[in-house]
N, C-alpha and C. Protein backbone atom coordinates (compact mmCIF):
# COMPACT_ATOMS: atom_id res chain seq x y z
N MET A 1 -4.82 -12.97 -1.45
CA MET A 1 -5.57 -12.67 -0.35
C MET A 1 -6.13 -11.18 -0.32
N ASP A 2 -7.46 -11.17 0.04
CA ASP A 2 -8.11 -9.86 0.05
C ASP A 2 -7.96 -9.50 1.44
N LEU A 3 -7.57 -8.17 1.72
CA LEU A 3 -7.36 -7.56 2.95
C LEU A 3 -8.43 -6.39 3.06
N SER A 4 -9.19 -6.42 4.20
CA SER A 4 -10.09 -5.28 4.25
C SER A 4 -9.40 -4.24 4.83
N LYS A 5 -10.11 -3.02 4.64
CA LYS A 5 -9.56 -1.71 5.22
C LYS A 5 -9.13 -1.95 6.68
N GLN A 6 -9.92 -2.50 7.48
CA GLN A 6 -9.79 -2.61 8.89
C GLN A 6 -8.54 -3.58 9.24
N GLU A 7 -8.46 -4.73 8.56
CA GLU A 7 -7.49 -5.59 8.56
C GLU A 7 -6.15 -4.89 8.32
N ALA A 8 -6.12 -4.06 7.19
CA ALA A 8 -4.90 -3.33 6.82
C ALA A 8 -4.50 -2.34 7.88
N ARG A 9 -5.55 -1.65 8.60
CA ARG A 9 -5.14 -0.61 9.72
C ARG A 9 -4.50 -1.43 10.82
N GLU A 10 -5.08 -2.69 11.01
CA GLU A 10 -4.54 -3.41 12.27
C GLU A 10 -3.17 -4.00 11.99
N TRP A 11 -3.02 -4.36 10.69
CA TRP A 11 -1.62 -4.90 10.32
C TRP A 11 -0.65 -3.76 10.45
N LEU A 12 -1.00 -2.52 9.94
CA LEU A 12 -0.06 -1.36 10.10
C LEU A 12 0.21 -0.92 11.52
N LYS A 13 -0.80 -0.99 12.34
CA LYS A 13 -0.75 -0.63 13.62
C LYS A 13 0.26 -1.56 14.36
N SER A 14 0.11 -2.87 14.06
CA SER A 14 1.02 -3.89 14.86
C SER A 14 2.42 -3.71 14.28
N ALA A 15 2.76 -3.21 13.06
CA ALA A 15 3.88 -2.99 12.52
C ALA A 15 4.57 -1.58 12.97
N GLY A 16 3.70 -0.85 13.88
CA GLY A 16 4.35 0.52 14.18
C GLY A 16 4.17 1.62 13.23
N LEU A 17 3.17 1.46 12.22
CA LEU A 17 3.13 2.49 11.08
C LEU A 17 1.73 2.97 11.24
N ARG A 18 1.70 4.36 10.80
CA ARG A 18 0.55 5.04 10.76
C ARG A 18 -0.42 4.50 9.64
N SER A 19 -1.67 4.59 9.96
CA SER A 19 -2.67 4.02 8.88
C SER A 19 -3.13 5.30 8.03
N THR A 20 -2.30 5.58 7.00
CA THR A 20 -2.65 6.55 6.25
C THR A 20 -3.50 6.00 4.99
N ILE A 21 -4.37 6.91 4.28
CA ILE A 21 -5.11 6.37 3.12
C ILE A 21 -4.12 5.80 2.02
N PRO A 22 -3.14 6.46 1.61
CA PRO A 22 -2.14 5.87 0.69
C PRO A 22 -1.66 4.61 1.04
N ARG A 23 -1.14 4.44 2.40
CA ARG A 23 -0.53 3.26 2.83
C ARG A 23 -1.50 2.06 2.84
N ILE A 24 -2.75 2.39 3.32
CA ILE A 24 -3.69 1.31 3.17
C ILE A 24 -3.96 0.79 1.90
N ALA A 25 -4.17 1.79 0.95
CA ALA A 25 -4.37 1.34 -0.55
C ALA A 25 -3.18 0.59 -1.06
N VAL A 26 -1.86 0.96 -0.73
CA VAL A 26 -0.75 0.09 -1.38
C VAL A 26 -0.83 -1.26 -0.59
N LEU A 27 -0.91 -1.26 0.68
CA LEU A 27 -0.90 -2.58 1.34
C LEU A 27 -1.99 -3.46 0.94
N ARG A 28 -3.15 -2.95 0.64
CA ARG A 28 -4.22 -3.84 0.13
C ARG A 28 -4.01 -4.37 -1.22
N LEU A 29 -3.38 -3.56 -2.10
CA LEU A 29 -3.15 -3.89 -3.48
C LEU A 29 -2.09 -5.05 -3.36
N LEU A 30 -0.83 -4.85 -2.58
CA LEU A 30 0.15 -5.87 -2.53
C LEU A 30 -0.44 -7.14 -1.95
N ALA A 31 -1.39 -6.96 -0.97
CA ALA A 31 -1.85 -8.21 -0.34
C ALA A 31 -2.68 -9.18 -1.31
N GLN A 32 -3.27 -8.51 -2.38
CA GLN A 32 -4.20 -9.12 -3.36
C GLN A 32 -3.40 -9.58 -4.39
N SER A 33 -2.18 -9.21 -4.57
CA SER A 33 -1.28 -9.53 -5.75
C SER A 33 -0.80 -10.99 -5.62
N ASP A 34 -0.69 -11.76 -6.77
CA ASP A 34 -0.11 -13.03 -6.74
C ASP A 34 1.41 -12.92 -6.81
N CYS A 35 2.03 -11.93 -7.15
CA CYS A 35 3.49 -11.63 -7.30
C CYS A 35 3.90 -10.29 -6.86
N PRO A 36 5.17 -10.23 -6.72
CA PRO A 36 5.62 -8.74 -6.21
C PRO A 36 5.42 -7.78 -7.42
N LEU A 37 5.13 -6.62 -6.94
CA LEU A 37 4.73 -5.46 -7.93
C LEU A 37 5.93 -4.40 -7.83
N SER A 38 6.23 -3.82 -8.88
CA SER A 38 7.16 -2.86 -8.85
C SER A 38 6.38 -1.44 -8.59
N HIS A 39 7.21 -0.44 -8.42
CA HIS A 39 6.58 0.88 -8.12
C HIS A 39 5.78 1.36 -9.40
N GLY A 40 6.22 1.14 -10.51
CA GLY A 40 5.37 1.41 -11.70
C GLY A 40 4.00 0.65 -11.73
N GLU A 41 4.17 -0.63 -11.56
CA GLU A 41 2.88 -1.51 -11.47
C GLU A 41 1.89 -1.03 -10.49
N VAL A 42 2.43 -0.68 -9.23
CA VAL A 42 1.46 -0.13 -8.29
C VAL A 42 0.97 1.04 -8.66
N LEU A 43 1.71 2.08 -9.18
CA LEU A 43 1.16 3.36 -9.70
C LEU A 43 -0.01 2.95 -10.77
N ALA A 44 0.24 2.08 -11.74
CA ALA A 44 -0.66 1.75 -12.81
C ALA A 44 -2.02 1.17 -12.30
N GLN A 45 -2.03 0.61 -11.17
CA GLN A 45 -3.16 0.00 -10.58
C GLN A 45 -4.03 0.99 -9.64
N LEU A 46 -3.28 1.92 -9.10
CA LEU A 46 -4.03 2.89 -8.16
C LEU A 46 -4.40 4.16 -9.07
N ASP A 47 -5.28 4.71 -8.52
CA ASP A 47 -5.96 5.88 -9.29
C ASP A 47 -4.96 7.03 -9.10
N PRO A 48 -4.35 7.44 -10.39
CA PRO A 48 -3.40 8.64 -10.28
C PRO A 48 -3.82 9.96 -9.84
N ASP A 49 -5.14 10.09 -9.81
CA ASP A 49 -5.73 11.33 -9.21
C ASP A 49 -5.60 11.39 -7.75
N ASP A 50 -5.56 10.22 -7.17
CA ASP A 50 -5.60 10.23 -5.64
C ASP A 50 -4.25 10.23 -5.07
N PHE A 51 -3.29 9.61 -5.77
CA PHE A 51 -1.88 9.46 -5.06
C PHE A 51 -0.84 9.83 -6.17
N ASP A 52 0.26 10.52 -5.74
CA ASP A 52 1.27 10.95 -6.49
C ASP A 52 2.39 9.83 -6.40
N GLN A 53 3.41 9.98 -7.34
CA GLN A 53 4.48 8.99 -7.45
C GLN A 53 5.39 8.95 -6.17
N ALA A 54 5.53 10.08 -5.63
CA ALA A 54 6.39 10.06 -4.56
C ALA A 54 5.87 9.55 -3.19
N THR A 55 4.49 9.74 -3.16
CA THR A 55 3.65 9.21 -1.92
C THR A 55 3.77 7.67 -1.94
N ILE A 56 3.55 7.07 -3.24
CA ILE A 56 3.55 5.63 -3.40
C ILE A 56 4.85 5.06 -3.00
N TYR A 57 5.89 5.74 -3.66
CA TYR A 57 7.30 5.31 -3.39
C TYR A 57 7.70 5.18 -1.87
N ARG A 58 7.39 6.44 -1.22
CA ARG A 58 7.79 6.35 0.06
C ARG A 58 6.97 5.38 1.04
N ASN A 59 5.77 4.94 0.56
CA ASN A 59 4.96 3.90 1.22
C ASN A 59 5.47 2.55 0.86
N LEU A 60 5.91 2.37 -0.34
CA LEU A 60 6.53 1.05 -0.64
C LEU A 60 7.85 0.93 0.27
N VAL A 61 8.53 1.93 0.36
CA VAL A 61 9.90 1.97 1.17
C VAL A 61 9.57 1.55 2.64
N ARG A 62 8.60 2.30 3.23
CA ARG A 62 8.21 2.10 4.66
C ARG A 62 7.58 0.77 4.79
N LEU A 63 6.90 0.13 3.82
CA LEU A 63 6.37 -1.20 4.03
C LEU A 63 7.44 -2.29 4.00
N VAL A 64 8.58 -1.99 3.20
CA VAL A 64 9.60 -2.86 3.11
C VAL A 64 10.45 -2.82 4.33
N ASP A 65 10.61 -1.69 4.83
CA ASP A 65 11.48 -1.38 6.13
C ASP A 65 10.79 -2.34 7.23
């Protein structure tokens, strides 16, 4: 499922989460994946210059919560 940036923002807002750039990127990536992704797989698919490992990990944890 493709998720637009606006749809991601609305989903995060409804979940009570802030709509940060990294969180939107992670959510959109997970939404378009056909299977669960590990932290390493998410890192490999996002631009490493834009997001560091800790930021991605924290966002994955928040989305799971």
